[in-house]
Amino acid sequence: MGTLVLNHPHKQVLANKKKSFQSTFISGVGEKYYIPQTIIGNVKQGDKVIILSDKKGSKERAEGFLNKLVPSSFTKHSPPRPRYDVYIDNLIKVQYHRNDFGDLERSGIAIF
């Protein structure tokens, strides 16, 4: 069983490019994440999902389980790459830490 990490960079939230951590926590849906094809094959229903917020002074973390990935849009790359909405079940807030995984991909995700 793998773990998918989704980051909510505060700068992108402010620029309206990403939904806030709180919105994702409430809805259980991480919207429009580019998940590289080299990674997506390693993600399956029931895998653990971690969502993170790096907002200065209030770093947050929640954990749940992957329900499904739904194609939602495309990147601006040439050729375009698919983005996915990540549906997460049973999200609960936990103490923030990043000591159980390494670096995030450029797209703000990681799998371990």
PDB file of N, CA and C in Angstrom:
ATOM      1  N   MET A   1       0.846  -1.177   0.000  1.00  0.00           N
ATOM      2  CA  MET A   1       0.000   0.000   0.000  1.00  0.00           C
ATOM      3  C   MET A   1       0.888   1.235   0.000  1.00  0.00           C
ATOM      4  N   GLY A   2       0.642   2.149  -0.946  1.00  0.00           N
ATOM      5  CA  GLY A   2       1.415   3.381  -1.043  1.00  0.00           C
ATOM      6  C   GLY A   2       0.730   4.524  -0.309  1.00  0.00           C
ATOM      7  N   THR A   3       1.412   5.655  -0.272  1.00  0.00           N
ATOM      8  CA  THR A   3       0.867   6.869   0.308  1.00  0.00           C
ATOM      9  C   THR A   3       1.056   7.995  -0.692  1.00  0.00           C
ATOM     10  N   LEU A   4      -0.013   8.720  -0.967  1.00  0.00           N
ATOM     11  CA  LEU A   4      -0.007   9.857  -1.871  1.00  0.00           C
ATOM     12  C   LEU A   4      -0.022  11.127  -1.027  1.00  0.00           C
ATOM     13  N   VAL A   5       0.904  12.045  -1.300  1.00  0.00           N
ATOM     14  CA  VAL A   5       0.982  13.311  -0.574  1.00  0.00           C
ATOM     15  C   VAL A   5       0.567  14.433  -1.514  1.00  0.00           C
ATOM     16  N   LEU A   6      -0.361  15.287  -1.056  1.00  0.00           N
ATOM     17  CA  LEU A   6      -0.827  16.441  -1.826  1.00  0.00           C
ATOM     18  C   LEU A   6      -0.513  17.709  -1.036  1.00  0.00           C
ATOM     19  N   ASN A   7       0.238  18.610  -1.645  1.00  0.00           N
ATOM     20  CA  ASN A   7       0.610  19.852  -0.978  1.00  0.00           C
ATOM     21  C   ASN A   7      -0.306  20.987  -1.427  1.00  0.00           C
ATOM     22  N   HIS A   8      -0.602  21.900  -0.515  1.00  0.00           N
ATOM     23  CA  HIS A   8      -1.381  23.104  -0.811  1.00  0.00           C
ATOM     24  C   HIS A   8      -0.481  24.310  -0.539  1.00  0.00           C
ATOM     25  N   PRO A   9       0.410  24.672  -1.490  1.00  0.00           N
ATOM     26  CA  PRO A   9       1.317  25.800  -1.262  1.00  0.00           C
ATOM     27  C   PRO A   9       0.526  27.092  -1.051  1.00  0.00           C
ATOM     28  N   HIS A  10       0.822  27.781   0.031  1.00  0.00           N
ATOM     29  CA  HIS A  10       0.059  28.976   0.397  1.00  0.00           C
ATOM     30  C   HIS A  10       0.087  30.034  -0.707  1.00  0.00           C
ATOM     31  N   LYS A  11       1.223  30.194  -1.388  1.00  0.00           N
ATOM     32  CA  LYS A  11       1.315  31.184  -2.476  1.00  0.00           C
ATOM     33  C   LYS A  11       0.332  30.861  -3.598  1.00  0.00           C
ATOM     34  N   GLN A  12       0.168  29.578  -3.921  1.00  0.00           N
ATOM     35  CA  GLN A  12      -0.767  29.207  -4.988  1.00  0.00           C
ATOM     36  C   GLN A  12      -2.214  29.337  -4.534  1.00  0.00           C
ATOM     37  N   VAL A  13      -2.455  29.114  -3.254  1.00  0.00           N
ATOM     38  CA  VAL A  13      -3.808  29.312  -2.720  1.00  0.00           C
ATOM     39  C   VAL A  13      -4.177  30.791  -2.834  1.00  0.00           C
ATOM     40  N   LEU A  14      -3.248  31.672  -2.441  1.00  0.00           N
ATOM     41  CA  LEU A  14      -3.501  33.112  -2.522  1.00  0.00           C
ATOM     42  C   LEU A  14      -3.720  33.579  -3.957  1.00  0.00           C
ATOM     43  N   ALA A  15      -3.040  32.947  -4.902  1.00  0.00           N
ATOM     44  CA  ALA A  15      -3.172  33.315  -6.312  1.00  0.00           C
ATOM     45  C   ALA A  15      -4.367  32.620  -6.975  1.00  0.00           C
ATOM     46  N   ASN A  16      -5.180  31.946  -6.174  1.00  0.00           N
ATOM     47  CA  ASN A  16      -6.367  31.228  -6.666  1.00  0.00           C
ATOM     48  C   ASN A  16      -6.026  30.127  -7.671  1.00  0.00           C
ATOM     49  N   LYS A  17      -4.846  29.553  -7.547  1.00  0.00           N
ATOM     50  CA  LYS A  17      -4.463  28.437  -8.407  1.00  0.00           C
ATOM     51  C   LYS A  17      -4.729  27.097  -7.735  1.00  0.00           C
ATOM     52  N   LYS A  18      -4.892  27.106  -6.412  1.00  0.00           N
ATOM     53  CA  LYS A  18      -5.173  25.884  -5.648  1.00  0.00           C
ATOM     54  C   LYS A  18      -6.252  26.183  -4.627  1.00  0.00           C
ATOM     55  N   LYS A  19      -7.036  25.153  -4.341  1.00  0.00           N
ATOM     56  CA  LYS A  19      -8.013  25.233  -3.270  1.00  0.00           C
ATOM     57  C   LYS A  19      -7.268  25.213  -1.937  1.00  0.00           C
ATOM     58  N   SER A  20      -7.824  25.838  -0.932  1.00  0.00           N
ATOM     59  CA  SER A  20      -7.162  25.866   0.366  1.00  0.00           C
ATOM     60  C   SER A  20      -7.189  24.492   1.031  1.00  0.00           C
ATOM     61  N   PHE A  21      -6.290  24.324   1.977  1.00  0.00           N
ATOM     62  CA  PHE A  21      -6.255  23.100   2.771  1.00  0.00           C
ATOM     63  C   PHE A  21      -7.620  22.879   3.424  1.00  0.00           C
ATOM     64  N   GLN A  22      -8.170  23.932   4.032  1.00  0.00           N
ATOM     65  CA  GLN A  22      -9.445  23.811   4.746  1.00  0.00           C
ATOM     66  C   GLN A  22     -10.569  23.380   3.806  1.00  0.00           C
ATOM     67  N   SER A  23     -10.626  23.958   2.608  1.00  0.00           N
ATOM     68  CA  SER A  23     -11.661  23.577   1.632  1.00  0.00           C
ATOM     69  C   SER A  23     -11.530  22.117   1.229  1.00  0.00           C
ATOM     70  N   THR A  24     -10.290  21.679   1.016  1.00  0.00           N
ATOM     71  CA  THR A  24     -10.065  20.284   0.652  1.00  0.00           C
ATOM     72  C   THR A  24     -10.430  19.370   1.819  1.00  0.00           C
ATOM     73  N   PHE A  25     -10.069  19.778   3.033  1.00  0.00           N
ATOM     74  CA  PHE A  25     -10.397  18.975   4.206  1.00  0.00           C
ATOM     75  C   PHE A  25     -11.916  18.816   4.354  1.00  0.00           C
ATOM     76  N   ILE A  26     -12.650  19.890   4.174  1.00  0.00           N
ATOM     77  CA  ILE A  26     -14.106  19.848   4.332  1.00  0.00           C
ATOM     78  C   ILE A  26     -14.772  19.034   3.224  1.00  0.00           C
ATOM     79  N   SER A  27     -14.345  19.255   1.971  1.00  0.00           N
ATOM     80  CA  SER A  27     -14.997  18.580   0.836  1.00  0.00           C
ATOM     81  C   SER A  27     -14.499  17.157   0.611  1.00  0.00           C
ATOM     82  N   GLY A  28     -13.259  16.871   1.033  1.00  0.00           N
ATOM     83  CA  GLY A  28     -12.671  15.564   0.771  1.00  0.00           C
ATOM     84  C   GLY A  28     -12.222  15.388  -0.663  1.00  0.00           C
ATOM     85  N   VAL A  29     -12.051  16.515  -1.377  1.00  0.00           N
ATOM     86  CA  VAL A  29     -11.623  16.458  -2.780  1.00  0.00           C
ATOM     87  C   VAL A  29     -10.464  17.420  -3.001  1.00  0.00           C
ATOM     88  N   GLY A  30      -9.322  16.875  -3.418  1.00  0.00           N
ATOM     89  CA  GLY A  30      -8.180  17.683  -3.849  1.00  0.00           C
ATOM     90  C   GLY A  30      -8.338  17.904  -5.339  1.00  0.00           C
ATOM     91  N   GLU A  31      -8.477  19.155  -5.754  1.00  0.00           N
ATOM     92  CA  GLU A  31      -8.823  19.450  -7.144  1.00  0.00           C
ATOM     93  C   GLU A  31      -7.613  19.725  -8.027  1.00  0.00           C
ATOM     94  N   LYS A  32      -7.686  19.196  -9.243  1.00  0.00           N
ATOM     95  CA  LYS A  32      -6.795  19.515 -10.356  1.00  0.00           C
ATOM     96  C   LYS A  32      -5.313  19.286 -10.065  1.00  0.00           C
ATOM     97  N   TYR A  33      -4.985  18.119  -9.559  1.00  0.00           N
ATOM     98  CA  TYR A  33      -3.588  17.769  -9.323  1.00  0.00           C
ATOM     99  C   TYR A  33      -3.007  17.061 -10.528  1.00  0.00           C
ATOM    100  N   TYR A  34      -1.852  17.541 -10.983  1.00  0.00           N
ATOM    101  CA  TYR A  34      -1.118  16.830 -12.023  1.00  0.00           C
ATOM    102  C   TYR A  34      -0.333  15.724 -11.339  1.00  0.00           C
ATOM    103  N   ILE A  35      -0.636  14.496 -11.699  1.00  0.00           N
ATOM    104  CA  ILE A  35       0.067  13.335 -11.158  1.00  0.00           C
ATOM    105  C   ILE A  35       0.800  12.689 -12.329  1.00  0.00           C
ATOM    106  N   PRO A  36       2.136  12.758 -12.349  1.00  0.00           N
ATOM    107  CA  PRO A  36       2.899  12.224 -13.475  1.00  0.00           C
ATOM    108  C   PRO A  36       2.560  10.758 -13.767  1.00  0.00           C
ATOM    109  N   GLN A  37       2.600  10.412 -15.027  1.00  0.00           N
ATOM    110  CA  GLN A  37       2.283   9.052 -15.464  1.00  0.00           C
ATOM    111  C   GLN A  37       3.199   8.020 -14.813  1.00  0.00           C
ATOM    112  N   THR A  38       4.410   8.426 -14.461  1.00  0.00           N
ATOM    113  CA  THR A  38       5.338   7.505 -13.794  1.00  0.00           C
ATOM    114  C   THR A  38       4.877   7.173 -12.385  1.00  0.00           C
ATOM    115  N   ILE A  39       4.001   7.988 -11.824  1.00  0.00           N
ATOM    116  CA  ILE A  39       3.519   7.801 -10.461  1.00  0.00           C
ATOM    117  C   ILE A  39       2.109   7.232 -10.420  1.00  0.00           C
ATOM    118  N   ILE A  40       1.261   7.665 -11.343  1.00  0.00           N
ATOM    119  CA  ILE A  40      -0.162   7.327 -11.250  1.00  0.00           C
ATOM    120  C   ILE A  40      -0.423   5.827 -11.241  1.00  0.00           C
ATOM    121  N   GLY A  41       0.433   5.055 -11.890  1.00  0.00           N
ATOM    122  CA  GLY A  41       0.267   3.606 -11.889  1.00  0.00           C
ATOM    123  C   GLY A  41       0.499   2.973 -10.522  1.00  0.00           C
ATOM    124  N   ASN A  42       1.126   3.730  -9.616  1.00  0.00           N
ATOM    125  CA  ASN A  42       1.409   3.225  -8.274  1.00  0.00           C
ATOM    126  C   ASN A  42       0.350   3.625  -7.252  1.00  0.00           C
ATOM    127  N   VAL A  43      -0.685   4.339  -7.701  1.00  0.00           N
ATOM    128  CA  VAL A  43      -1.729   4.842  -6.806  1.00  0.00           C
ATOM    129  C   VAL A  43      -2.994   4.027  -7.026  1.00  0.00           C
ATOM    130  N   LYS A  44      -3.575   3.542  -5.918  1.00  0.00           N
ATOM    131  CA  LYS A  44      -4.795   2.743  -6.070  1.00  0.00           C
ATOM    132  C   LYS A  44      -5.782   3.033  -4.934  1.00  0.00           C
ATOM    133  N   GLN A  45      -7.015   2.689  -5.172  1.00  0.00           N
ATOM    134  CA  GLN A  45      -8.068   2.902  -4.177  1.00  0.00           C
ATOM    135  C   GLN A  45      -7.669   2.255  -2.857  1.00  0.00           C
ATOM    136  N   GLY A  46      -7.901   2.982  -1.761  1.00  0.00           N
ATOM    137  CA  GLY A  46      -7.565   2.491  -0.430  1.00  0.00           C
ATOM    138  C   GLY A  46      -6.210   2.934   0.068  1.00  0.00           C
ATOM    139  N   ASP A  47      -5.361   3.482  -0.836  1.00  0.00           N
ATOM    140  CA  ASP A  47      -4.060   3.992  -0.406  1.00  0.00           C
ATOM    141  C   ASP A  47      -4.246   5.183   0.527  1.00  0.00           C
ATOM    142  N   LYS A  48      -3.298   5.360   1.412  1.00  0.00           N
ATOM    143  CA  LYS A  48      -3.307   6.503   2.322  1.00  0.00           C
ATOM    144  C   LYS A  48      -3.050   7.779   1.525  1.00  0.00           C
ATOM    145  N   VAL A  49      -3.739   8.870   1.898  1.00  0.00           N
ATOM    146  CA  VAL A  49      -3.528  10.183   1.293  1.00  0.00           C
ATOM    147  C   VAL A  49      -3.232  11.174   2.417  1.00  0.00           C
ATOM    148  N   ILE A  50      -2.195  11.974   2.218  1.00  0.00           N
ATOM    149  CA  ILE A  50      -1.833  13.023   3.156  1.00  0.00           C
ATOM    150  C   ILE A  50      -2.014  14.354   2.442  1.00  0.00           C
ATOM    151  N   ILE A  51      -2.721  15.298   3.087  1.00  0.00           N
ATOM    152  CA  ILE A  51      -2.778  16.653   2.549  1.00  0.00           C
ATOM    153  C   ILE A  51      -2.039  17.573   3.511  1.00  0.00           C
ATOM    154  N   LEU A  52      -1.283  18.520   2.924  1.00  0.00           N
ATOM    155  CA  LEU A  52      -0.446  19.416   3.713  1.00  0.00           C
ATOM    156  C   LEU A  52      -0.741  20.869   3.369  1.00  0.00           C
ATOM    157  N   SER A  53      -0.572  21.738   4.351  1.00  0.00           N
ATOM    158  CA  SER A  53      -0.620  23.176   4.146  1.00  0.00           C
ATOM    159  C   SER A  53       0.655  23.762   4.735  1.00  0.00           C
ATOM    160  N   ASP A  54       1.296  24.640   3.973  1.00  0.00           N
ATOM    161  CA  ASP A  54       2.536  25.243   4.462  1.00  0.00           C
ATOM    162  C   ASP A  54       2.341  26.708   4.844  1.00  0.00           C
ATOM    163  N   LYS A  55       1.103  27.093   5.163  1.00  0.00           N
ATOM    164  CA  LYS A  55       0.827  28.480   5.532  1.00  0.00           C
ATOM    165  C   LYS A  55       1.641  28.848   6.762  1.00  0.00           C
ATOM    166  N   LYS A  56       2.396  29.921   6.653  1.00  0.00           N
ATOM    167  CA  LYS A  56       3.290  30.340   7.741  1.00  0.00           C
ATOM    168  C   LYS A  56       2.483  30.563   9.022  1.00  0.00           C
ATOM    169  N   GLY A  57       2.933  29.939  10.088  1.00  0.00           N
ATOM    170  CA  GLY A  57       2.288  30.102  11.379  1.00  0.00           C
ATOM    171  C   GLY A  57       1.156  29.132  11.647  1.00  0.00           C
ATOM    172  N   SER A  58       0.713  28.410  10.629  1.00  0.00           N
ATOM    173  CA  SER A  58      -0.374  27.443  10.858  1.00  0.00           C
ATOM    174  C   SER A  58      -0.247  26.248   9.919  1.00  0.00           C
ATOM    175  N   LYS A  59       0.893  25.597   9.940  1.00  0.00           N
ATOM    176  CA  LYS A  59       1.086  24.414   9.103  1.00  0.00           C
ATOM    177  C   LYS A  59       0.103  23.341   9.542  1.00  0.00           C
ATOM    178  N   GLU A  60      -0.524  22.699   8.556  1.00  0.00           N
ATOM    179  CA  GLU A  60      -1.548  21.696   8.857  1.00  0.00           C
ATOM    180  C   GLU A  60      -1.315  20.429   8.052  1.00  0.00           C
ATOM    181  N   ARG A  61      -1.849  19.329   8.584  1.00  0.00           N
ATOM    182  CA  ARG A  61      -1.753  18.027   7.930  1.00  0.00           C
ATOM    183  C   ARG A  61      -3.018  17.248   8.248  1.00  0.00           C
ATOM    184  N   ALA A  62      -3.526  16.544   7.230  1.00  0.00           N
ATOM    185  CA  ALA A  62      -4.652  15.640   7.428  1.00  0.00           C
ATOM    186  C   ALA A  62      -4.363  14.363   6.654  1.00  0.00           C
ATOM    187  N   GLU A  63      -4.950  13.263   7.119  1.00  0.00           N
ATOM    188  CA  GLU A  63      -4.742  11.963   6.487  1.00  0.00           C
ATOM    189  C   GLU A  63      -6.081  11.285   6.265  1.00  0.00           C
ATOM    190  N   GLY A  64      -6.163  10.564   5.159  1.00  0.00           N
ATOM    191  CA  GLY A  64      -7.360   9.809   4.825  1.00  0.00           C
ATOM    192  C   GLY A  64      -6.990   8.702   3.855  1.00  0.00           C
ATOM    193  N   PHE A  65      -7.984   8.221   3.104  1.00  0.00           N
ATOM    194  CA  PHE A  65      -7.763   7.109   2.175  1.00  0.00           C
ATOM    195  C   PHE A  65      -8.343   7.442   0.816  1.00  0.00           C
ATOM    196  N   LEU A  66      -7.614   7.055  -0.217  1.00  0.00           N
ATOM    197  CA  LEU A  66      -8.023   7.345  -1.584  1.00  0.00           C
ATOM    198  C   LEU A  66      -9.295   6.595  -1.952  1.00  0.00           C
ATOM    199  N   ASN A  67     -10.293   7.338  -2.375  1.00  0.00           N
ATOM    200  CA  ASN A  67     -11.516   6.747  -2.896  1.00  0.00           C
ATOM    201  C   ASN A  67     -11.375   6.548  -4.400  1.00  0.00           C
ATOM    202  N   LYS A  68     -11.032   7.651  -5.113  1.00  0.00           N
ATOM    203  CA  LYS A  68     -10.868   7.555  -6.565  1.00  0.00           C
ATOM    204  C   LYS A  68     -10.129   8.768  -7.103  1.00  0.00           C
ATOM    205  N   LEU A  69      -9.602   8.616  -8.309  1.00  0.00           N
ATOM    206  CA  LEU A  69      -9.008   9.702  -9.090  1.00  0.00           C
ATOM    207  C   LEU A  69      -9.899   9.923 -10.292  1.00  0.00           C
ATOM    208  N   VAL A  70     -10.287  11.171 -10.532  1.00  0.00           N
ATOM    209  CA  VAL A  70     -11.171  11.495 -11.653  1.00  0.00           C
ATOM    210  C   VAL A  70     -10.470  12.530 -12.533  1.00  0.00           C
ATOM    211  N   PRO A  71     -10.236  12.211 -13.823  1.00  0.00           N
ATOM    212  CA  PRO A  71      -9.645  13.215 -14.713  1.00  0.00           C
ATOM    213  C   PRO A  71     -10.510  14.477 -14.720  1.00  0.00           C
ATOM    214  N   SER A  72      -9.868  15.653 -14.590  1.00  0.00           N
ATOM    215  CA  SER A  72     -10.657  16.879 -14.461  1.00  0.00           C
ATOM    216  C   SER A  72     -10.281  17.985 -15.441  1.00  0.00           C
ATOM    217  N   SER A  73      -9.022  18.044 -15.863  1.00  0.00           N
ATOM    218  CA  SER A  73      -8.588  19.090 -16.783  1.00  0.00           C
ATOM    219  C   SER A  73      -7.205  18.715 -17.297  1.00  0.00           C
ATOM    220  N   PHE A  74      -6.563  19.664 -17.962  1.00  0.00           N
ATOM    221  CA  PHE A  74      -5.233  19.415 -18.509  1.00  0.00           C
ATOM    222  C   PHE A  74      -4.289  20.553 -18.150  1.00  0.00           C
ATOM    223  N   THR A  75      -2.994  20.228 -18.072  1.00  0.00           N
ATOM    224  CA  THR A  75      -1.975  21.249 -17.841  1.00  0.00           C
ATOM    225  C   THR A  75      -1.807  22.079 -19.102  1.00  0.00           C
ATOM    226  N   LYS A  76      -0.990  23.126 -19.012  1.00  0.00           N
ATOM    227  CA  LYS A  76      -0.708  23.987 -20.164  1.00  0.00           C
ATOM    228  C   LYS A  76       0.527  23.517 -20.932  1.00  0.00           C
ATOM    229  N   HIS A  77       1.066  22.347 -20.563  1.00  0.00           N
ATOM    230  CA  HIS A  77       2.229  21.807 -21.251  1.00  0.00           C
ATOM    231  C   HIS A  77       1.877  21.473 -22.704  1.00  0.00           C
ATOM    232  N   SER A  78       2.908  21.288 -23.502  1.00  0.00           N
ATOM    233  CA  SER A  78       2.710  20.817 -24.867  1.00  0.00           C
ATOM    234  C   SER A  78       3.477  19.518 -25.015  1.00  0.00           C
ATOM    235  N   PRO A  79       2.810  18.375 -25.151  1.00  0.00           N
ATOM    236  CA  PRO A  79       1.354  18.206 -25.168  1.00  0.00           C
ATOM    237  C   PRO A  79       0.758  18.329 -23.759  1.00  0.00           C
ATOM    238  N   PRO A  80      -0.522  18.659 -23.678  1.00  0.00           N
ATOM    239  CA  PRO A  80      -1.174  18.773 -22.369  1.00  0.00           C
ATOM    240  C   PRO A  80      -1.135  17.460 -21.593  1.00  0.00           C
ATOM    241  N   ARG A  81      -1.039  17.577 -20.279  1.00  0.00           N
ATOM    242  CA  ARG A  81      -1.020  16.399 -19.407  1.00  0.00           C
ATOM    243  C   ARG A  81      -2.262  16.437 -18.517  1.00  0.00           C
ATOM    244  N   PRO A  82      -2.834  15.280 -18.223  1.00  0.00           N
ATOM    245  CA  PRO A  82      -4.082  15.276 -17.449  1.00  0.00           C
ATOM    246  C   PRO A  82      -3.885  15.671 -15.985  1.00  0.00           C
ATOM    247  N   ARG A  83      -4.881  16.377 -15.465  1.00  0.00           N
ATOM    248  CA  ARG A  83      -4.972  16.689 -14.042  1.00  0.00           C
ATOM    249  C   ARG A  83      -6.117  15.860 -13.470  1.00  0.00           C
ATOM    250  N   TYR A  84      -6.038  15.582 -12.180  1.00  0.00           N
ATOM    251  CA  TYR A  84      -7.022  14.719 -11.544  1.00  0.00           C
ATOM    252  C   TYR A  84      -7.605  15.377 -10.297  1.00  0.00           C
ATOM    253  N   ASP A  85      -8.879  15.118 -10.059  1.00  0.00           N
ATOM    254  CA  ASP A  85      -9.482  15.418  -8.770  1.00  0.00           C
ATOM    255  C   ASP A  85      -9.280  14.167  -7.922  1.00  0.00           C
ATOM    256  N   VAL A  86      -8.775  14.364  -6.706  1.00  0.00           N
ATOM    257  CA  VAL A  86      -8.446  13.258  -5.809  1.00  0.00           C
ATOM    258  C   VAL A  86      -9.519  13.205  -4.724  1.00  0.00           C
ATOM    259  N   TYR A  87     -10.334  12.166  -4.737  1.00  0.00           N
ATOM    260  CA  TYR A  87     -11.405  11.993  -3.755  1.00  0.00           C
ATOM    261  C   TYR A  87     -10.856  11.196  -2.567  1.00  0.00           C
ATOM    262  N   ILE A  88     -11.010  11.784  -1.372  1.00  0.00           N
ATOM    263  CA  ILE A  88     -10.387  11.222  -0.169  1.00  0.00           C
ATOM    264  C   ILE A  88     -11.465  10.947   0.879  1.00  0.00           C
ATOM    265  N   ASP A  89     -11.467   9.735   1.405  1.00  0.00           N
ATOM    266  CA  ASP A  89     -12.411   9.345   2.454  1.00  0.00           C
ATOM    267  C   ASP A  89     -11.763   9.448   3.829  1.00  0.00           C
ATOM    268  N   ASN A  90     -12.596   9.669   4.843  1.00  0.00           N
ATOM    269  CA  ASN A  90     -12.194   9.593   6.253  1.00  0.00           C
ATOM    270  C   ASN A  90     -11.017  10.494   6.614  1.00  0.00           C
ATOM    271  N   LEU A  91     -11.031  11.730   6.114  1.00  0.00           N
ATOM    272  CA  LEU A  91      -9.956  12.664   6.453  1.00  0.00           C
ATOM    273  C   LEU A  91     -10.029  13.070   7.923  1.00  0.00           C
ATOM    274  N   ILE A  92      -8.889  13.023   8.571  1.00  0.00           N
ATOM    275  CA  ILE A  92      -8.786  13.512   9.949  1.00  0.00           C
ATOM    276  C   ILE A  92      -7.530  14.369  10.054  1.00  0.00           C
ATOM    277  N   LYS A  93      -7.618  15.442  10.839  1.00  0.00           N
ATOM    278  CA  LYS A  93      -6.444  16.280  11.067  1.00  0.00           C
ATOM    279  C   LYS A  93      -5.523  15.595  12.062  1.00  0.00           C
ATOM    280  N   VAL A  94      -4.234  15.675  11.773  1.00  0.00           N
ATOM    281  CA  VAL A  94      -3.200  15.111  12.641  1.00  0.00           C
ATOM    282  C   VAL A  94      -2.108  16.161  12.826  1.00  0.00           C
ATOM    283  N   GLN A  95      -1.204  15.902  13.755  1.00  0.00           N
ATOM    284  CA  GLN A  95      -0.109  16.846  13.984  1.00  0.00           C
ATOM    285  C   GLN A  95       0.760  16.944  12.737  1.00  0.00           C
ATOM    286  N   TYR A  96       1.115  18.169  12.372  1.00  0.00           N
ATOM    287  CA  TYR A  96       1.934  18.405  11.187  1.00  0.00           C
ATOM    288  C   TYR A  96       3.350  17.866  11.382  1.00  0.00           C
ATOM    289  N   HIS A  97       3.809  17.135  10.386  1.00  0.00           N
ATOM    290  CA  HIS A  97       5.214  16.727  10.291  1.00  0.00           C
ATOM    291  C   HIS A  97       5.455  16.256   8.871  1.00  0.00           C
ATOM    292  N   ARG A  98       6.725  16.221   8.480  1.00  0.00           N
ATOM    293  CA  ARG A  98       7.100  15.758   7.140  1.00  0.00           C
ATOM    294  C   ARG A  98       8.235  14.749   7.213  1.00  0.00           C
ATOM    295  N   ASN A  99       8.322  14.006   8.294  1.00  0.00           N
ATOM    296  CA  ASN A  99       9.461  13.100   8.458  1.00  0.00           C
ATOM    297  C   ASN A  99       9.200  11.697   7.929  1.00  0.00           C
ATOM    298  N   ASP A 100       8.041  11.460   7.301  1.00  0.00           N
ATOM    299  CA  ASP A 100       7.768  10.119   6.786  1.00  0.00           C
ATOM    300  C   ASP A 100       7.810  10.036   5.264  1.00  0.00           C
ATOM    301  N   PHE A 101       8.260  11.097   4.604  1.00  0.00           N
ATOM    302  CA  PHE A 101       8.437  11.055   3.155  1.00  0.00           C
ATOM    303  C   PHE A 101       9.506  12.062   2.753  1.00  0.00           C
ATOM    304  N   GLY A 102      10.010  11.916   1.544  1.00  0.00           N
ATOM    305  CA  GLY A 102      11.083  12.785   1.051  1.00  0.00           C
ATOM    306  C   GLY A 102      10.544  14.017   0.349  1.00  0.00           C
ATOM    307  N   ASP A 103      11.237  14.411  -0.701  1.00  0.00           N
ATOM    308  CA  ASP A 103      10.874  15.614  -1.440  1.00  0.00           C
ATOM    309  C   ASP A 103       9.614  15.414  -2.264  1.00  0.00           C
ATOM    310  N   LEU A 104       8.894  16.513  -2.463  1.00  0.00           N
ATOM    311  CA  LEU A 104       7.719  16.499  -3.327  1.00  0.00           C
ATOM    312  C   LEU A 104       8.151  16.697  -4.770  1.00  0.00           C
ATOM    313  N   GLU A 105       7.341  16.183  -5.697  1.00  0.00           N
ATOM    314  CA  GLU A 105       7.534  16.452  -7.117  1.00  0.00           C
ATOM    315  C   GLU A 105       7.303  17.950  -7.355  1.00  0.00           C
ATOM    316  N   ARG A 106       7.722  18.424  -8.510  1.00  0.00           N
ATOM    317  CA  ARG A 106       7.472  19.821  -8.869  1.00  0.00           C
ATOM    318  C   ARG A 106       5.978  20.148  -8.853  1.00  0.00           C
ATOM    319  N   SER A 107       5.156  19.146  -9.113  1.00  0.00           N
ATOM    320  CA  SER A 107       3.717  19.341  -9.168  1.00  0.00           C
ATOM    321  C   SER A 107       3.081  19.401  -7.774  1.00  0.00           C
ATOM    322  N   GLY A 108       3.873  19.263  -6.714  1.00  0.00           N
ATOM    323  CA  GLY A 108       3.344  19.358  -5.353  1.00  0.00           C
ATOM    324  C   GLY A 108       2.812  18.059  -4.792  1.00  0.00           C
ATOM    325  N   ILE A 109       3.187  16.946  -5.412  1.00  0.00           N
ATOM    326  CA  ILE A 109       2.747  15.644  -4.932  1.00  0.00           C
ATOM    327  C   ILE A 109       3.954  14.741  -4.682  1.00  0.00           C
ATOM    328  N   ALA A 110       3.717  13.667  -3.984  1.00  0.00           N
ATOM    329  CA  ALA A 110       4.744  12.637  -3.783  1.00  0.00           C
ATOM    330  C   ALA A 110       4.017  11.314  -3.558  1.00  0.00           C
ATOM    331  N   ILE A 111       4.685  10.228  -3.845  1.00  0.00           N
ATOM    332  CA  ILE A 111       4.177   8.887  -3.514  1.00  0.00           C
ATOM    333  C   ILE A 111       5.319   8.154  -2.842  1.00  0.00           C
ATOM    334  N   PHE A 112       4.996   7.460  -1.783  1.00  0.00           N
ATOM    335  CA  PHE A 112       6.017   6.666  -1.102  1.00  0.00           C
ATOM    336  C   PHE A 112       5.365   5.424  -0.527  1.00  0.00           C
TER     337      PHE A 112
END
